[in-house]
């Protein structure tokens, strides 16, 4: 069983590699996670070539353009990576399937930012999408392209998630730890937006959910085309930042946390608009995958303990 994993050096990609099982569907698992120098996601033709030459049973597309604000100034690059690359990989998988007669499947990782945030209650997978930003729009377009090419055959699944963080890479958790240290030393407060609500999701749990999708499909299980996965509970960015300070001190990563001051979105204008409420309804996914996520605070504590152990 061969899996082509994009974004292998990113925070989710590293978690996927760490959690990769030795076998999938009773077959020995081989994961190819090409470096950016090998497969450039901004080059759709290179992506197509990589799939056609490697002939994987699965593509797990964990690579993405995730610089939400910079995407407003680089819409073509964001579209190339988030829309055109998955479209070209899906087309290549469809061609492999036509030539060989065997399933060639794709798991496309997507985002809560495909929603507007106006709903006021958790978004189920079938909810209409209405992205507010270039990043959200390009991710939504990538979803559509993959489903249009492979969805009719049941060979594509979209897994949306939210507020991803882990012990490696650039993410809110690691940034807040640094800011807590710096502001506490200077005796300055840390202002964080309190009127955007979603759920932090740690990479290890997300990686487990991804591998479960592949495992169940390989055994012939029928799964929804669109899946939602996040940790349990709800939080604002302010809640998340406060918890990072509290639990970071408990883990020995901070001598003391900085004071966290709640502010509104209007107090912290950004180039990209963000949904004010993007909580995902994952009930159908949890039932389909037979998995139960950790509460986000419990998961956060585990990540911080992991960081402390490697400090």
Protein backbone atom coordinates (compact mmCIF):
# COMPACT_ATOMS: atom_id res chain seq x y z
CA UNK A 1 0.00 0.00 0.00
CA UNK A 2 1.66 3.21 -1.19
CA UNK A 3 0.70 6.65 0.17
CA UNK A 4 1.95 9.92 -1.30
CA UNK A 5 1.98 12.50 1.50
CA UNK A 6 2.35 16.17 0.66
CA UNK A 7 3.42 18.68 3.28
CA UNK A 8 5.52 16.09 5.07
CA UNK A 9 7.75 18.71 6.71
CA UNK A 10 4.79 20.71 8.06
CA UNK A 11 3.31 20.29 11.51
CA UNK A 12 0.54 17.93 10.39
CA UNK A 13 2.82 16.12 7.95
CA UNK A 14 5.31 15.35 10.70
CA UNK A 15 2.50 14.08 12.94
CA UNK A 16 1.21 11.86 10.11
CA UNK A 17 4.65 10.37 9.56
CA UNK A 18 5.10 9.77 13.29
CA UNK A 19 1.71 8.04 13.54
CA UNK A 20 1.93 6.03 10.32
CA UNK A 21 0.99 2.38 10.90
CA UNK A 22 3.22 -0.41 9.64
CA UNK A 23 0.31 -1.90 7.70
CA UNK A 24 -2.85 -0.61 6.10
CA UNK A 25 -5.66 -2.91 5.08
CA UNK A 26 -3.45 -5.93 5.75
CA UNK A 27 -0.75 -4.63 3.40
CA UNK A 28 2.68 -3.24 4.20
CA UNK A 29 2.50 0.55 4.22
CA UNK A 30 4.95 2.62 2.21
CA UNK A 31 4.77 6.41 2.69
CA UNK A 32 6.51 8.74 0.27
CA UNK A 33 6.70 12.28 1.61
CA UNK A 34 8.65 14.24 -1.02
CA UNK A 35 10.48 17.40 -0.03
CA UNK A 36 9.51 20.71 -1.57
CA UNK A 37 12.53 20.46 -3.85
CA UNK A 38 11.12 17.19 -5.19
CA UNK A 39 7.48 18.21 -5.60
CA UNK A 40 6.65 21.91 -5.70
CA UNK A 41 2.99 22.37 -4.73
CA UNK A 42 2.93 25.71 -6.53
CA UNK A 43 3.55 23.83 -9.79
CA UNK A 44 0.42 21.83 -10.72
CA UNK A 45 2.24 20.05 -13.54
CA UNK A 46 4.92 18.85 -11.13
CA UNK A 47 2.20 17.58 -8.78
CA UNK A 48 0.50 15.71 -11.59
CA UNK A 49 3.80 14.18 -12.72
CA UNK A 50 4.65 13.05 -9.17
CA UNK A 51 1.36 11.20 -8.86
CA UNK A 52 1.52 9.61 -12.31
CA UNK A 53 5.09 8.42 -11.78
CA UNK A 54 4.68 7.12 -8.22
CA UNK A 55 1.22 5.59 -8.83
CA UNK A 56 0.12 5.71 -5.19
CA UNK A 57 -2.94 4.01 -3.78
CA UNK A 58 -3.61 7.20 -1.80
CA UNK A 59 -2.64 10.84 -1.88
CA UNK A 60 -2.92 12.55 1.49
CA UNK A 61 -2.72 16.25 0.71
CA UNK A 62 -1.61 17.85 3.98
CA UNK A 63 0.36 20.54 2.18
CA UNK A 64 -1.24 23.96 1.83
CA UNK A 65 -0.69 27.69 1.59
CA UNK A 66 -1.76 28.64 5.13
CA UNK A 67 -0.51 32.23 5.50
CA UNK A 68 -4.05 33.61 5.81
CA UNK A 69 -3.18 37.30 5.72
CA UNK A 70 -0.38 37.08 3.15
CA UNK A 71 -2.73 35.24 0.81
CA UNK A 72 -4.61 38.52 0.31
CA UNK A 73 -1.47 39.87 -1.41
CA UNK A 74 -0.55 36.56 -3.08
CA UNK A 75 -3.86 35.19 -4.38
CA UNK A 76 -2.32 33.49 -7.42
CA UNK A 77 0.22 31.59 -5.33
CA UNK A 78 -2.45 30.61 -2.79
CA UNK A 79 -4.69 29.38 -5.62
CA UNK A 80 -1.87 27.41 -7.22
CA UNK A 81 -1.14 25.52 -3.99
CA UNK A 82 -4.62 25.24 -2.48
CA UNK A 83 -6.70 24.77 -5.62
CA UNK A 84 -4.68 23.87 -8.70
CA UNK A 85 -2.33 21.40 -6.98
CA UNK A 86 -5.08 19.21 -5.48
CA UNK A 87 -7.03 19.43 -8.74
CA UNK A 88 -4.05 18.18 -10.74
CA UNK A 89 -3.34 15.37 -8.26
CA UNK A 90 -6.98 14.28 -8.34
CA UNK A 91 -6.93 14.23 -12.15
CA UNK A 92 -3.78 12.10 -12.10
CA UNK A 93 -5.38 9.65 -9.65
CA UNK A 94 -8.44 9.42 -11.88
CA UNK A 95 -6.20 8.59 -14.82
CA UNK A 96 -4.39 5.89 -12.81
CA UNK A 97 -7.71 4.39 -11.83
CA UNK A 98 -8.85 4.34 -15.46
CA UNK A 99 -5.63 2.68 -16.60
CA UNK A 100 -5.28 0.09 -13.85
CA UNK A 101 -8.85 -0.53 -12.74
CA UNK A 102 -7.84 -0.26 -9.09
CA UNK A 103 -8.98 2.46 -6.67
CA UNK A 104 -6.69 5.47 -6.46
CA UNK A 105 -7.91 7.65 -3.62
CA UNK A 106 -7.29 11.08 -2.12
CA UNK A 107 -7.70 12.62 1.33
CA UNK A 108 -7.78 16.40 1.05
CA UNK A 109 -7.21 18.33 4.28
CA UNK A 110 -9.30 21.48 4.45
CA UNK A 111 -10.33 24.17 6.91
CA UNK A 112 -13.10 25.77 8.92
CA UNK A 113 -12.26 28.99 7.06
CA UNK A 114 -14.46 27.84 4.17
CA UNK A 115 -17.38 29.08 6.33
CA UNK A 116 -18.49 32.66 6.95
CA UNK A 117 -19.07 32.29 10.68
CA UNK A 118 -22.60 33.72 10.50
CA UNK A 119 -24.37 30.49 11.46
CA UNK A 120 -24.01 30.84 15.23
CA UNK A 121 -24.01 27.07 15.79
CA UNK A 122 -21.55 24.30 14.83
CA UNK A 123 -21.21 23.75 11.09
CA UNK A 124 -22.16 20.27 9.85
CA UNK A 125 -20.30 18.93 6.80
CA UNK A 126 -23.25 19.66 4.50
CA UNK A 127 -23.53 23.33 5.50
CA UNK A 128 -23.18 25.81 2.62
CA UNK A 129 -19.70 27.25 2.34
CA UNK A 130 -19.08 30.98 2.14
CA UNK A 131 -15.41 31.86 2.64
CA UNK A 132 -14.45 35.38 3.68
CA UNK A 133 -10.80 35.36 2.61
CA UNK A 134 -8.55 34.38 -0.28
CA UNK A 135 -7.23 31.53 1.84
CA UNK A 136 -10.73 30.23 2.56
CA UNK A 137 -11.83 30.68 -1.05
CA UNK A 138 -8.83 28.78 -2.46
CA UNK A 139 -9.29 25.94 0.02
CA UNK A 140 -12.99 25.74 -0.89
CA UNK A 141 -12.08 25.64 -4.58
CA UNK A 142 -9.61 22.82 -3.86
CA UNK A 143 -12.38 20.86 -2.15
CA UNK A 144 -14.69 21.27 -5.13
CA UNK A 145 -12.03 20.26 -7.64
CA UNK A 146 -11.17 17.06 -5.78
CA UNK A 147 -14.80 16.04 -5.26
CA UNK A 148 -15.78 16.80 -8.84
CA UNK A 149 -12.98 14.59 -10.14
CA UNK A 150 -13.04 11.68 -7.68
CA UNK A 151 -16.11 12.04 -5.50
CA UNK A 152 -18.50 10.22 -7.81
CA UNK A 153 -16.31 7.11 -7.52
CA UNK A 154 -16.14 7.38 -3.73
CA UNK A 155 -12.39 7.87 -4.08
CA UNK A 156 -12.08 11.29 -2.46
CA UNK A 157 -12.70 12.55 1.03
CA UNK A 158 -12.44 16.08 2.39
CA UNK A 159 -11.43 16.37 6.03
CA UNK A 160 -12.01 19.85 7.44
CA UNK A 161 -10.34 20.84 10.67
CA UNK A 162 -9.67 23.98 12.71
CA UNK A 163 -6.98 25.93 14.54
CA UNK A 164 -4.29 23.29 14.06
CA UNK A 165 -1.25 23.32 16.34
CA UNK A 166 1.39 20.93 17.60
CA UNK A 167 4.84 20.71 19.16
CA UNK A 168 6.62 21.61 15.90
CA UNK A 169 6.24 24.25 13.22
CA UNK A 170 4.73 27.71 13.24
CA UNK A 171 1.45 27.83 15.12
CA UNK A 172 -0.54 29.85 17.65
CA UNK A 173 0.53 27.73 20.61
CA UNK A 174 4.26 28.13 20.06
CA UNK A 175 3.88 31.81 19.23
CA UNK A 176 1.87 32.45 22.41
CA UNK A 177 4.45 30.66 24.54
CA UNK A 178 7.12 33.01 23.22
CA UNK A 179 4.94 36.08 23.71
CA UNK A 180 4.03 35.02 27.26
CA UNK A 181 7.73 34.84 28.11
CA UNK A 182 8.58 38.16 26.49
CA UNK A 183 5.62 40.13 27.86
CA UNK A 184 5.93 38.67 31.38
CA UNK A 185 9.58 39.74 31.56
CA UNK A 186 8.65 43.27 30.45
CA UNK A 187 5.52 43.38 32.60
CA UNK A 188 3.37 44.07 29.54
CA UNK A 189 -0.09 42.62 28.78
CA UNK A 190 -0.82 40.37 25.84
CA UNK A 191 -3.88 41.42 23.83
CA UNK A 192 -5.75 38.58 22.10
CA UNK A 193 -8.99 38.52 20.11
CA UNK A 194 -11.90 37.19 22.18
CA UNK A 195 -14.80 37.37 19.70
CA UNK A 196 -13.69 34.64 17.27
CA UNK A 197 -14.81 31.20 18.40
CA UNK A 198 -13.73 27.78 17.14
CA UNK A 199 -11.75 24.87 18.52
CA UNK A 200 -8.00 24.23 18.75
CA UNK A 201 -6.97 20.90 17.24
CA UNK A 202 -3.71 19.15 18.07
CA UNK A 203 -1.86 17.44 15.25
CA UNK A 204 -1.51 14.02 16.87
CA UNK A 205 -5.27 13.53 17.18
CA UNK A 206 -5.83 14.87 13.68
CA UNK A 207 -3.21 12.49 12.28
CA UNK A 208 -4.94 9.55 13.98
CA UNK A 209 -8.22 10.56 12.35
CA UNK A 210 -6.56 10.78 8.93
CA UNK A 211 -5.05 7.31 9.18
CA UNK A 212 -8.39 5.93 10.36
CA UNK A 213 -10.03 7.26 7.18
CA UNK A 214 -7.48 5.44 5.05
CA UNK A 215 -7.76 2.25 7.08
CA UNK A 216 -11.56 2.09 6.95
CA UNK A 217 -11.70 2.86 3.23
CA UNK A 218 -9.07 0.24 2.49
CA UNK A 219 -11.27 -2.34 4.22
CA UNK A 220 -14.20 -1.24 2.07
CA UNK A 221 -16.12 0.88 4.58
CA UNK A 222 -18.44 3.57 3.23
CA UNK A 223 -17.60 6.99 4.66
CA UNK A 224 -19.10 10.46 4.13
CA UNK A 225 -17.36 12.41 1.40
CA UNK A 226 -16.91 15.39 3.73
CA UNK A 227 -15.67 14.86 7.27
CA UNK A 228 -15.19 17.30 10.16
CA UNK A 229 -12.57 16.77 12.85
CA UNK A 230 -11.48 18.95 15.75
CA UNK A 231 -10.76 18.47 19.42
CA UNK A 232 -13.75 18.61 21.77
CA UNK A 233 -15.10 21.81 23.29
CA UNK A 234 -15.04 25.40 22.10
CA UNK A 235 -12.75 28.35 22.68
CA UNK A 236 -11.91 31.84 21.58
CA UNK A 237 -8.37 32.81 20.72
CA UNK A 238 -8.35 34.61 24.08
CA UNK A 239 -9.36 31.40 25.88
CA UNK A 240 -6.65 29.52 24.02
CA UNK A 241 -3.99 32.10 24.91
CA UNK A 242 -4.97 32.11 28.61
CA UNK A 243 -4.83 28.31 28.73
CA UNK A 244 -1.40 28.28 27.05
CA UNK A 245 -0.13 30.58 29.80
CA UNK A 246 -1.68 28.60 32.64
CA UNK A 247 -0.76 25.15 31.39
CA UNK A 248 2.61 26.33 30.10
CA UNK A 249 3.56 27.43 33.60
CA UNK A 250 2.35 24.10 34.97
CA UNK A 251 4.55 22.28 32.45
CA UNK A 252 7.58 24.32 33.49
CA UNK A 253 7.81 26.16 30.18
CA UNK A 254 7.03 29.55 31.74
CA UNK A 255 8.08 31.07 35.06
CA UNK A 256 4.87 33.03 34.95
CA UNK A 257 2.34 33.86 32.23
CA UNK A 258 1.71 37.36 30.96
CA UNK A 259 -1.61 39.02 31.64
CA UNK A 260 -3.91 38.28 28.69
CA UNK A 261 -6.31 41.08 27.77
CA UNK A 262 -9.38 40.31 25.64
CA UNK A 263 -9.91 42.54 22.61
CA UNK A 264 -12.37 42.55 19.72
CA UNK A 265 -11.67 41.81 16.09
CA UNK A 266 -12.10 45.48 15.29
CA UNK A 267 -9.29 46.27 17.75
CA UNK A 268 -6.93 44.03 15.78
CA UNK A 269 -7.59 44.56 12.07
CA UNK A 270 -5.99 42.08 9.67
CA UNK A 271 -5.77 41.97 5.86
CA UNK A 272 -7.95 38.82 5.77
CA UNK A 273 -11.41 38.55 7.27
CA UNK A 274 -11.91 35.60 9.60
CA UNK A 275 -15.12 33.83 10.62
CA UNK A 276 -16.38 34.94 14.02
CA UNK A 277 -17.77 31.46 14.72
CA UNK A 278 -16.33 28.43 12.95
CA UNK A 279 -16.97 25.55 15.31
CA UNK A 280 -17.28 22.29 13.36
CA UNK A 281 -20.01 19.75 14.01
CA UNK A 282 -18.04 16.50 13.98
CA UNK A 283 -20.78 14.16 15.24
CA UNK A 284 -21.20 12.27 11.96
CA UNK A 285 -17.44 11.90 11.55
CA UNK A 286 -16.94 10.62 15.09
CA UNK A 287 -19.58 7.98 14.49
CA UNK A 288 -18.14 6.99 11.11
CA UNK A 289 -14.55 6.76 12.37
CA UNK A 290 -15.42 5.35 15.82
CA UNK A 291 -13.03 7.82 17.41
CA UNK A 292 -13.45 10.23 20.32
CA UNK A 293 -11.39 13.44 20.38
CA UNK A 294 -9.77 14.83 23.51
CA UNK A 295 -11.03 18.06 25.01
CA UNK A 296 -8.87 20.86 23.66
CA UNK A 297 -7.46 21.79 27.11
CA UNK A 298 -6.43 18.21 27.79
CA UNK A 299 -4.83 17.94 24.35
CA UNK A 300 -3.06 21.27 24.85
CA UNK A 301 -1.63 20.10 28.16
CA UNK A 302 -0.25 17.02 26.42
CA UNK A 303 1.43 19.11 23.72
CA UNK A 304 2.96 21.44 26.32
CA UNK A 305 4.23 18.49 28.36
CA UNK A 306 5.79 17.14 25.17
CA UNK A 307 7.49 20.49 24.53
CA UNK A 308 8.76 20.56 28.10
CA UNK A 309 10.20 17.05 27.77
CA UNK A 310 12.20 18.08 24.68
CA UNK A 311 13.24 21.56 25.90
